[in-house]
Amino acid sequence: MHAAALLLVSALCSATWALDNGEMRVPPMGWLAWERFRCDLDCQHDPKNCISENLFIDMADRLFEDGWRELGYVYVNIDDCWSSMKRDEKGRLQADPQRFPRGIRFLSRYMHARGLKLGLYGDMGTHTCGGYPGTTLDDIALDAQTFADWEVDMFKFDGCYSNATVQEQGYPLMSKALNATGRPIAYSCSWPAYQGGLPPKVNYTQLGQLCNLWRNYGDIQDSWDSVLNIVEWFSENQDVLAPAAGPGKWNDPDMLIIGDFGLSMDQSRAQMALWAIMAAPLFMSNDLRTISSGARSILQNKMAVIINQDPLGIQGRRIVKEKIGIDVFWRPLSKNASALVFFSRRNDMPYRYQTSLGKLNYTTGSYEIHDVFAQKTTTLKDSTPFVVSVNPTGVVMWHVSAPAKWNRRPFRRGGGRRGNAIPPVFL
């Protein structure tokens, strides 16, 4: 079998290696505080935006009442700066008593009563990145049981104020400790981000046995340059990253910043499309109380969510990188479908990109094309040339339906005028 086909078979079969806790069989979705609210502690002067139980209750209410939960946005994740500066008399972590007067268990039960889940943050070091108590190797079992007692559903383990030796021991130990509690707690580990992200240091097979998702790269910022840098890094390293992902184990390019201040509507659609095709977790970090209707329509686009949540769990790939500044991404989906994203890295004007499904290595036949954001459907033959007009820093995203069969044609180079080698398409 051709090497590219073997890669797809490997991706399909690798799910058996995933962390055996039954969690996150599709990429997780929800809301996360960090990018939008950081470590705002000024509850006296900024009570609606400071890191407190009120903020997370507000966001839970929005997920529950505004149509987010039904689409799959179910996690409400607390990040850094939630705890007291000291552990209690028994050595346990404790929430800040002023900002979280009813504690973390109250919040988890508030979420569960609304069909939501609660995520919590910790750090495998002497301190968290924000300077709060960390989790040393001696604290791991106690902290894992504390999270279970609080009925937490997801735990994110950062790596500030530690070192490679401690991380090599600590990340696996926390995985075992969480499982030993008997409570299913999804585990997000930042280990690769502290190892430089890629082999030879990162053993992604081991990672998939330990963690449900992992951060590979630096924190996203509220800017287009930040999104573009993440996309480029993931694309350049896709041969290593894509085979590591699958049901129960996901590469995490970080939060969705749609609805904040740094992205245009075209750039917002681009982030949504690219995160969907990369099978990335969809954790929004915005203010759901004031989000614009345009940003909401992008984040609640049902077809984009369906593509992201596809049960095959195969991470998409960049199959064409044009010198003119157009990239094409492709992802195989279940039910004889696939997804295509035409992405413009240009900044000048809309670009009319011409190609055909045949040039993108689709087999002979007619295909139903649904434009995800324009919400229009048409039919295309593989041999019919077409033109897509892609706005600067924007995307055109397609859901492609077709009969299932292997493409066994010779390996083809180029997707349009110029391009990288394209793997056979499994449809």
Protein backbone atom coordinates (compact mmCIF):
# COMPACT_ATOMS: atom_id res chain seq x y z
CA MET A 1 0.00 0.00 0.00
CA HIS A 2 1.21 3.51 -0.74
CA ALA A 3 2.89 5.35 2.16
CA ALA A 4 0.19 8.03 2.26
CA ALA A 5 -2.55 5.42 2.38
CA LEU A 6 -0.71 3.67 5.19
CA LEU A 7 -0.72 6.96 7.06
CA LEU A 8 -4.51 7.10 6.89
CA VAL A 9 -4.87 3.47 7.97
CA SER A 10 -2.55 4.21 10.89
CA ALA A 11 -4.69 7.18 11.87
CA LEU A 12 -7.82 5.03 11.79
CA CYS A 13 -6.30 2.26 13.86
CA SER A 14 -4.37 4.32 16.37
CA ALA A 15 -7.45 5.07 18.48
CA THR A 16 -6.78 1.82 20.37
CA TRP A 17 -3.81 3.54 22.01
CA ALA A 18 -5.85 6.40 23.47
CA LEU A 19 -6.05 7.05 27.21
CA ASP A 20 -8.43 4.43 28.57
CA ASN A 21 -10.86 6.71 30.39
CA GLY A 22 -13.58 6.86 27.73
CA GLU A 23 -13.36 10.65 27.52
CA MET A 24 -13.20 13.00 24.54
CA ARG A 25 -13.88 10.54 21.73
CA VAL A 26 -14.45 13.65 19.62
CA PRO A 27 -12.64 16.97 20.13
CA PRO A 28 -13.92 18.71 23.27
CA MET A 29 -15.91 21.92 22.98
CA GLY A 30 -16.67 24.64 25.44
CA TRP A 31 -15.45 27.89 26.97
CA LEU A 32 -12.14 28.73 28.64
CA ALA A 33 -11.34 31.85 30.62
CA TRP A 34 -7.68 32.53 29.97
CA GLU A 35 -7.22 34.46 26.73
CA ARG A 36 -10.12 36.83 27.31
CA PHE A 37 -9.97 37.32 31.09
CA ARG A 38 -6.40 36.28 32.00
CA CYS A 39 -5.77 36.79 35.74
CA ASP A 40 -8.10 39.69 36.48
CA LEU A 41 -8.33 39.74 40.29
CA ASP A 42 -9.88 43.18 40.80
CA CYS A 43 -13.33 42.10 41.87
CA GLN A 44 -13.87 45.37 43.70
CA HIS A 45 -13.62 47.55 40.60
CA ASP A 46 -14.29 44.96 37.86
CA PRO A 47 -16.75 42.50 39.42
CA LYS A 48 -18.20 41.23 36.14
CA ASN A 49 -14.83 40.29 34.62
CA CYS A 50 -12.62 39.19 37.51
CA ILE A 51 -11.77 35.51 37.99
CA SER A 52 -14.56 34.51 40.37
CA GLU A 53 -17.44 32.09 40.61
CA ASN A 54 -19.73 34.79 39.21
CA LEU A 55 -17.84 34.86 35.90
CA PHE A 56 -18.12 31.10 35.43
CA ILE A 57 -21.77 31.06 36.43
CA ASP A 58 -22.44 33.79 33.86
CA MET A 59 -20.73 31.80 31.11
CA ALA A 60 -22.48 28.60 32.11
CA ASP A 61 -25.82 30.38 31.89
CA ARG A 62 -24.98 31.63 28.41
CA LEU A 63 -23.94 28.16 27.21
CA PHE A 64 -27.16 26.74 28.66
CA GLU A 65 -29.57 29.40 27.46
CA ASP A 66 -28.15 30.64 24.14
CA GLY A 67 -27.93 27.46 22.07
CA TRP A 68 -24.28 26.60 22.70
CA ARG A 69 -24.78 23.44 24.74
CA GLU A 70 -26.92 21.78 22.08
CA LEU A 71 -24.08 22.17 19.58
CA GLY A 72 -21.58 20.51 21.92
CA TYR A 73 -20.06 23.47 23.77
CA VAL A 74 -20.34 21.87 27.21
CA TYR A 75 -17.09 22.55 29.08
CA VAL A 76 -16.69 25.61 31.31
CA ASN A 77 -12.98 25.71 32.10
CA ILE A 78 -11.34 27.62 34.92
CA ASP A 79 -7.72 28.50 34.17
CA ASP A 80 -5.02 29.97 36.42
CA CYS A 81 -5.54 32.23 39.46
CA TRP A 82 -8.54 30.44 40.97
CA SER A 83 -6.90 29.12 44.12
CA SER A 84 -5.90 30.49 47.46
CA MET A 85 -2.23 31.34 47.86
CA LYS A 86 -1.92 28.58 50.48
CA ARG A 87 -3.04 24.98 50.75
CA ASP A 88 -5.32 24.09 53.66
CA GLU A 89 -4.25 22.46 56.93
CA LYS A 90 -4.43 19.01 55.32
CA GLY A 91 -2.25 20.06 52.39
CA ARG A 92 -5.09 20.29 49.89
CA LEU A 93 -5.56 22.97 47.26
CA GLN A 94 -8.41 25.33 48.05
CA ALA A 95 -10.28 27.97 46.11
CA ASP A 96 -9.80 31.63 46.97
CA PRO A 97 -12.46 32.20 49.66
CA GLN A 98 -13.35 35.72 48.55
CA ARG A 99 -13.69 35.05 44.83
CA PHE A 100 -15.04 31.47 45.11
CA PRO A 101 -16.88 31.55 48.45
CA ARG A 102 -18.88 28.37 47.74
CA GLY A 103 -15.90 26.41 46.41
CA ILE A 104 -15.24 24.38 43.28
CA ARG A 105 -17.70 21.59 44.09
CA PHE A 106 -20.53 24.12 44.06
CA LEU A 107 -19.50 25.20 40.56
CA SER A 108 -19.20 21.64 39.26
CA ARG A 109 -22.68 20.82 40.50
CA TYR A 110 -24.00 24.05 39.00
CA MET A 111 -22.59 22.93 35.65
CA HIS A 112 -23.88 19.39 35.93
CA ALA A 113 -27.41 20.57 36.71
CA ARG A 114 -27.36 22.34 33.34
CA GLY A 115 -25.87 19.51 31.31
CA LEU A 116 -22.42 21.12 31.32
CA LYS A 117 -18.97 20.07 32.56
CA LEU A 118 -16.36 21.83 34.67
CA GLY A 119 -12.67 22.02 33.85
CA LEU A 120 -9.93 23.09 36.27
CA TYR A 121 -6.31 24.21 35.91
CA GLY A 122 -3.17 23.17 37.74
CA ASP A 123 0.57 23.24 37.25
CA MET A 124 3.21 20.57 37.72
CA GLY A 125 5.74 22.76 39.47
CA THR A 126 6.32 24.68 42.64
CA HIS A 127 3.92 27.38 41.40
CA THR A 128 1.43 27.91 38.62
CA CYS A 129 2.37 30.30 35.82
CA GLY A 130 0.46 33.00 37.74
CA GLY A 131 2.30 32.33 41.00
CA TYR A 132 -0.30 30.22 42.82
CA PRO A 133 0.46 26.88 44.53
CA GLY A 134 1.62 24.24 42.09
CA THR A 135 1.51 20.46 42.27
CA THR A 136 4.82 18.83 43.17
CA LEU A 137 5.45 15.12 42.66
CA ASP A 138 4.49 14.53 46.30
CA ASP A 139 1.15 16.34 45.82
CA ILE A 140 -0.08 14.50 42.72
CA ALA A 141 -2.17 11.75 44.35
CA LEU A 142 -3.75 14.14 46.85
CA ASP A 143 -4.58 16.73 44.21
CA ALA A 144 -6.08 14.15 41.83
CA GLN A 145 -8.36 12.89 44.61
CA THR A 146 -9.28 16.47 45.52
CA PHE A 147 -10.37 17.13 41.93
CA ALA A 148 -12.43 13.93 41.95
CA ASP A 149 -14.02 14.89 45.27
CA TRP A 150 -14.92 18.24 43.73
CA GLU A 151 -16.54 16.36 40.79
CA VAL A 152 -14.31 18.05 38.22
CA ASP A 153 -14.66 16.73 34.65
CA MET A 154 -11.42 17.94 33.05
CA PHE A 155 -8.00 18.83 34.39
CA LYS A 156 -5.39 20.91 32.55
CA PHE A 157 -1.81 20.39 33.79
CA ASP A 158 0.58 23.20 32.92
CA GLY A 159 4.37 23.08 33.33
CA CYS A 160 5.68 26.37 34.72
CA TYR A 161 8.30 26.30 37.49
CA SER A 162 9.34 22.73 36.74
CA ASN A 163 12.00 21.00 34.65
CA ALA A 164 12.30 18.17 32.17
CA THR A 165 13.07 15.55 34.81
CA VAL A 166 10.08 16.50 36.94
CA GLN A 167 7.80 16.60 33.88
CA GLU A 168 8.94 13.18 32.70
CA GLN A 169 7.78 11.75 36.02
CA GLY A 170 4.88 14.04 36.79
CA TYR A 171 2.76 13.95 33.65
CA PRO A 172 2.47 10.12 33.66
CA LEU A 173 1.94 10.05 37.43
CA MET A 174 -0.98 12.49 37.19
CA SER A 175 -2.56 10.40 34.42
CA LYS A 176 -2.44 7.32 36.65
CA ALA A 177 -3.61 9.27 39.70
CA LEU A 178 -6.65 10.70 37.91
CA ASN A 179 -7.64 7.25 36.67
CA ALA A 180 -7.14 5.79 40.15
CA THR A 181 -9.81 8.09 41.58
CA GLY A 182 -12.48 6.16 39.70
CA ARG A 183 -13.97 9.37 38.34
CA PRO A 184 -13.65 9.94 34.58
CA ILE A 185 -11.60 13.14 34.36
CA ALA A 186 -10.36 14.21 30.93
CA TYR A 187 -6.67 15.06 31.07
CA SER A 188 -5.06 17.94 29.19
CA CYS A 189 -1.30 18.03 29.49
CA SER A 190 1.05 20.74 28.29
CA TRP A 191 4.05 18.40 28.14
CA PRO A 192 4.89 18.81 24.41
CA ALA A 193 4.86 22.61 24.69
CA TYR A 194 7.62 22.38 27.27
CA GLN A 195 9.59 19.82 25.24
CA GLY A 196 9.80 21.99 22.16
CA GLY A 197 6.68 20.43 20.64
CA LEU A 198 8.21 17.80 18.36
CA PRO A 199 10.43 14.68 18.35
CA PRO A 200 13.04 13.59 19.11
CA LYS A 201 11.98 14.68 22.59
CA VAL A 202 8.22 14.05 22.29
CA ASN A 203 6.98 10.46 22.22
CA TYR A 204 3.49 10.94 20.78
CA THR A 205 2.60 7.27 21.16
CA GLN A 206 3.23 7.52 24.87
CA LEU A 207 1.45 10.86 25.00
CA GLY A 208 -1.69 9.35 23.51
CA GLN A 209 -1.66 6.68 26.22
CA LEU A 210 -1.43 9.30 28.97
CA CYS A 211 -3.41 12.37 27.91
CA ASN A 212 -6.67 13.19 26.14
CA LEU A 213 -5.29 16.39 24.61
CA TRP A 214 -2.08 18.33 24.72
CA ARG A 215 -0.72 21.75 23.94
CA ASN A 216 2.13 21.66 21.41
CA TYR A 217 2.82 25.34 20.90
CA GLY A 218 2.85 28.68 22.73
CA ASP A 219 -0.24 30.51 23.98
CA ILE A 220 -2.50 32.04 21.39
CA GLN A 221 -2.85 35.83 21.50
CA ASP A 222 -5.72 38.00 20.30
CA SER A 223 -4.20 38.71 16.88
CA TRP A 224 -4.22 37.41 13.34
CA ASP A 225 -0.44 36.98 13.40
CA SER A 226 -0.79 34.61 16.34
CA VAL A 227 -3.41 32.50 14.54
CA LEU A 228 -1.32 32.46 11.37
CA ASN A 229 1.83 31.38 13.22
CA ILE A 230 -0.02 28.48 14.88
CA VAL A 231 -1.55 27.32 11.59
CA GLU A 232 1.81 27.46 9.84
CA TRP A 233 3.57 25.54 12.61
CA PHE A 234 0.90 22.84 12.63
CA SER A 235 1.02 22.60 8.83
CA GLU A 236 4.80 22.41 8.64
CA ASN A 237 4.82 19.63 11.25
CA GLN A 238 1.66 17.78 10.16
CA ASP A 239 3.51 14.58 9.25
CA VAL A 240 4.32 14.14 12.94
CA LEU A 241 1.22 15.70 14.49
CA ALA A 242 -1.61 14.26 12.39
CA PRO A 243 -0.88 10.55 13.05
CA ALA A 244 -0.79 11.27 16.80
CA ALA A 245 -4.41 12.49 16.90
CA GLY A 246 -7.54 10.39 17.05
CA PRO A 247 -10.57 9.60 19.23
CA GLY A 248 -9.63 10.31 22.83
CA LYS A 249 -6.33 12.07 22.01
CA TRP A 250 -6.03 15.44 20.31
CA ASN A 251 -3.46 18.03 19.32
CA ASP A 252 -4.54 21.35 20.84
CA PRO A 253 -3.60 24.52 18.92
CA ASP A 254 -5.19 26.56 21.74
CA MET A 255 -8.32 28.66 22.12
CA LEU A 256 -10.72 30.19 19.65
CA ILE A 257 -10.42 33.98 19.87
CA ILE A 258 -13.47 34.60 17.68
CA GLY A 259 -15.60 37.30 19.29
CA ASP A 260 -12.71 39.16 20.90
CA PHE A 261 -10.90 42.18 19.43
CA GLY A 262 -8.12 40.99 17.13
CA LEU A 263 -9.85 39.23 14.20
CA SER A 264 -12.01 40.45 11.36
CA MET A 265 -15.03 38.42 10.33
CA ASP A 266 -13.05 36.81 7.49
CA GLN A 267 -10.24 35.92 9.88
CA SER A 268 -12.76 34.58 12.36
CA ARG A 269 -14.23 32.27 9.73
CA ALA A 270 -10.68 31.23 8.86
CA GLN A 271 -9.86 30.25 12.43
CA MET A 272 -13.11 28.31 12.78
CA ALA A 273 -12.56 26.46 9.50
CA LEU A 274 -8.93 25.63 10.16
CA TRP A 275 -9.56 24.46 13.74
CA ALA A 276 -12.43 22.30 12.45
CA ILE A 277 -10.36 20.70 9.73
CA MET A 278 -7.46 20.10 12.15
CA ALA A 279 -9.80 18.19 14.50
CA ALA A 280 -8.84 20.70 17.19
CA PRO A 281 -10.58 21.22 20.52
CA LEU A 282 -13.02 24.13 20.24
CA PHE A 283 -12.60 26.11 23.43
CA MET A 284 -13.89 29.65 23.01
CA SER A 285 -12.23 32.38 25.07
CA ASN A 286 -14.49 35.39 24.68
CA ASP A 287 -17.31 37.14 26.51
CA LEU A 288 -20.49 35.24 25.71
CA ARG A 289 -22.55 37.93 27.43
CA THR A 290 -21.64 40.55 24.82
CA ILE A 291 -20.58 38.52 21.77
CA SER A 292 -21.63 39.97 18.41
CA SER A 293 -24.19 38.24 16.21
CA GLY A 294 -21.54 37.80 13.49
CA ALA A 295 -19.09 36.04 15.78
CA ARG A 296 -21.88 33.90 17.23
CA SER A 297 -23.03 32.78 13.78
CA ILE A 298 -19.49 31.60 12.98
CA LEU A 299 -19.03 29.72 16.24
CA GLN A 300 -22.53 28.21 15.97
CA ASN A 301 -22.19 27.17 12.32
CA LYS A 302 -23.62 23.66 12.45
CA MET A 303 -21.72 22.25 9.48
CA ALA A 304 -18.37 23.55 10.76
CA VAL A 305 -19.11 21.90 14.10
CA ILE A 306 -20.14 18.64 12.40
CA ILE A 307 -16.85 18.58 10.48
CA ASN A 308 -14.88 19.24 13.67
CA GLN A 309 -16.80 16.56 15.58
CA ASP A 310 -16.51 13.85 12.93
CA PRO A 311 -16.27 10.47 14.73
CA LEU A 312 -13.44 9.16 12.55
CA GLY A 313 -11.25 11.66 14.34
CA ILE A 314 -8.64 12.02 11.58
CA GLN A 315 -6.75 15.30 11.71
CA GLY A 316 -6.83 17.20 8.42
CA ARG A 317 -3.77 18.17 6.45
CA ARG A 318 -2.53 20.93 4.19
CA ILE A 319 -2.34 19.31 0.78
CA VAL A 320 -1.41 22.36 -1.33
CA LYS A 321 0.73 25.40 -0.53
CA GLU A 322 0.79 27.81 -3.42
CA LYS A 323 3.48 30.45 -3.87
CA ILE A 324 0.68 32.89 -4.66
CA GLY A 325 -0.47 32.66 -1.02
CA ILE A 326 -3.30 30.12 -1.29
CA ASP A 327 -3.34 26.92 0.77
CA VAL A 328 -5.72 23.98 0.44
CA PHE A 329 -6.52 21.81 3.45
CA TRP A 330 -8.30 18.45 3.30
CA ARG A 331 -9.82 16.14 5.89
CA PRO A 332 -11.47 12.72 5.39
CA LEU A 333 -14.80 12.35 7.18
CA SER A 334 -17.20 9.55 7.99
CA LYS A 335 -20.25 8.70 5.85
CA ASN A 336 -18.25 8.87 2.61
CA ALA A 337 -17.50 12.56 2.99
CA SER A 338 -14.54 14.90 3.19
CA ALA A 339 -13.87 18.57 3.86
CA LEU A 340 -11.85 21.12 1.90
CA VAL A 341 -10.66 24.55 3.02
CA PHE A 342 -9.27 27.08 0.56
CA PHE A 343 -7.29 29.52 2.70
CA SER A 344 -5.75 32.84 1.65
CA ARG A 345 -2.58 34.06 3.33
CA ARG A 346 -2.76 37.14 1.11
CA ASN A 347 -3.44 40.66 2.41
CA ASP A 348 -4.23 42.54 -0.80
CA MET A 349 -7.51 41.53 -2.45
CA PRO A 350 -9.81 38.56 -3.09
CA TYR A 351 -8.03 35.90 -5.11
CA ARG A 352 -9.79 33.77 -7.72
CA TYR A 353 -8.25 30.34 -7.32
CA GLN A 354 -8.83 27.85 -10.12
CA THR A 355 -8.52 24.10 -9.80
CA SER A 356 -10.71 20.96 -9.98
CA LEU A 357 -11.54 18.10 -7.70
CA GLY A 358 -9.56 15.87 -10.01
CA LYS A 359 -6.46 18.02 -9.50
CA LEU A 360 -7.05 17.65 -5.78
CA ASN A 361 -6.90 13.88 -6.39
CA TYR A 362 -10.58 13.04 -6.03
CA THR A 363 -11.68 9.99 -7.98
CA THR A 364 -13.92 10.06 -11.04
CA GLY A 365 -17.51 10.97 -10.30
CA SER A 366 -19.95 13.66 -9.26
CA TYR A 367 -19.80 15.24 -5.83
CA GLU A 368 -22.27 17.21 -3.75
CA ILE A 369 -20.57 20.37 -2.50
CA HIS A 370 -21.94 22.31 0.47
CA ASP A 371 -20.34 25.70 1.09
CA VAL A 372 -20.17 25.83 4.89
CA PHE A 373 -20.32 29.60 5.39
CA ALA A 374 -22.29 30.64 2.29
CA GLN A 375 -24.69 27.76 3.04
CA LYS A 376 -25.17 26.88 -0.61
CA THR A 377 -25.11 23.45 -2.21
CA THR A 378 -24.11 22.46 -5.73
CA THR A 379 -22.80 19.45 -7.67
CA LEU A 380 -19.37 19.14 -9.28
CA LYS A 381 -17.75 16.50 -11.45
CA ASP A 382 -14.15 15.68 -10.68
CA SER A 383 -13.08 16.91 -14.13
CA THR A 384 -14.97 20.21 -14.04
CA PRO A 385 -12.71 23.24 -13.44
CA PHE A 386 -14.00 25.64 -10.83
CA VAL A 387 -12.97 28.96 -9.34
CA VAL A 388 -13.27 29.91 -5.69
CA SER A 389 -12.93 33.55 -4.71
CA VAL A 390 -11.11 33.69 -1.37
CA ASN A 391 -11.01 36.96 0.56
CA PRO A 392 -7.69 38.18 2.00
CA THR A 393 -6.92 36.24 5.22
CA GLY A 394 -10.18 34.40 4.63
CA VAL A 395 -11.44 30.95 3.67
CA VAL A 396 -13.90 29.07 1.55
CA MET A 397 -14.88 25.85 3.31
CA TRP A 398 -16.61 22.91 1.62
CA HIS A 399 -18.24 19.73 2.85
CA VAL A 400 -17.88 17.18 0.03
CA SER A 401 -20.14 14.14 -0.22
CA ALA A 402 -19.34 11.21 -2.49
CA PRO A 403 -19.46 7.40 -2.77
CA ALA A 404 -16.75 5.67 -0.75
CA LYS A 405 -13.75 4.13 -2.47
CA TRP A 406 -9.99 4.27 -2.42
CA ASN A 407 -8.25 6.47 -4.94
CA ARG A 408 -5.62 4.17 -6.46
CA ARG A 409 -4.43 6.52 -9.18
CA PRO A 410 -0.72 7.31 -9.38
CA PHE A 411 0.54 9.84 -6.86
CA ARG A 412 -0.14 13.32 -8.24
CA ARG A 413 1.76 16.51 -7.63
CA GLY A 414 0.18 19.94 -7.41
CA GLY A 415 -3.32 21.03 -6.60
CA GLY A 416 -3.60 24.04 -8.86
CA ARG A 417 -0.81 25.83 -10.66
CA ARG A 418 1.79 24.80 -8.08
CA GLY A 419 1.68 22.68 -4.97
CA ASN A 420 3.10 20.09 -2.65
CA ALA A 421 2.56 16.39 -3.15
CA ILE A 422 -1.05 15.36 -2.41
CA PRO A 423 -1.79 12.03 -0.73
CA PRO A 424 -4.45 9.69 -2.16
CA VAL A 425 -7.88 10.72 -0.89
CA PHE A 426 -9.94 8.24 1.14
CA LEU A 427 -13.56 8.95 0.33
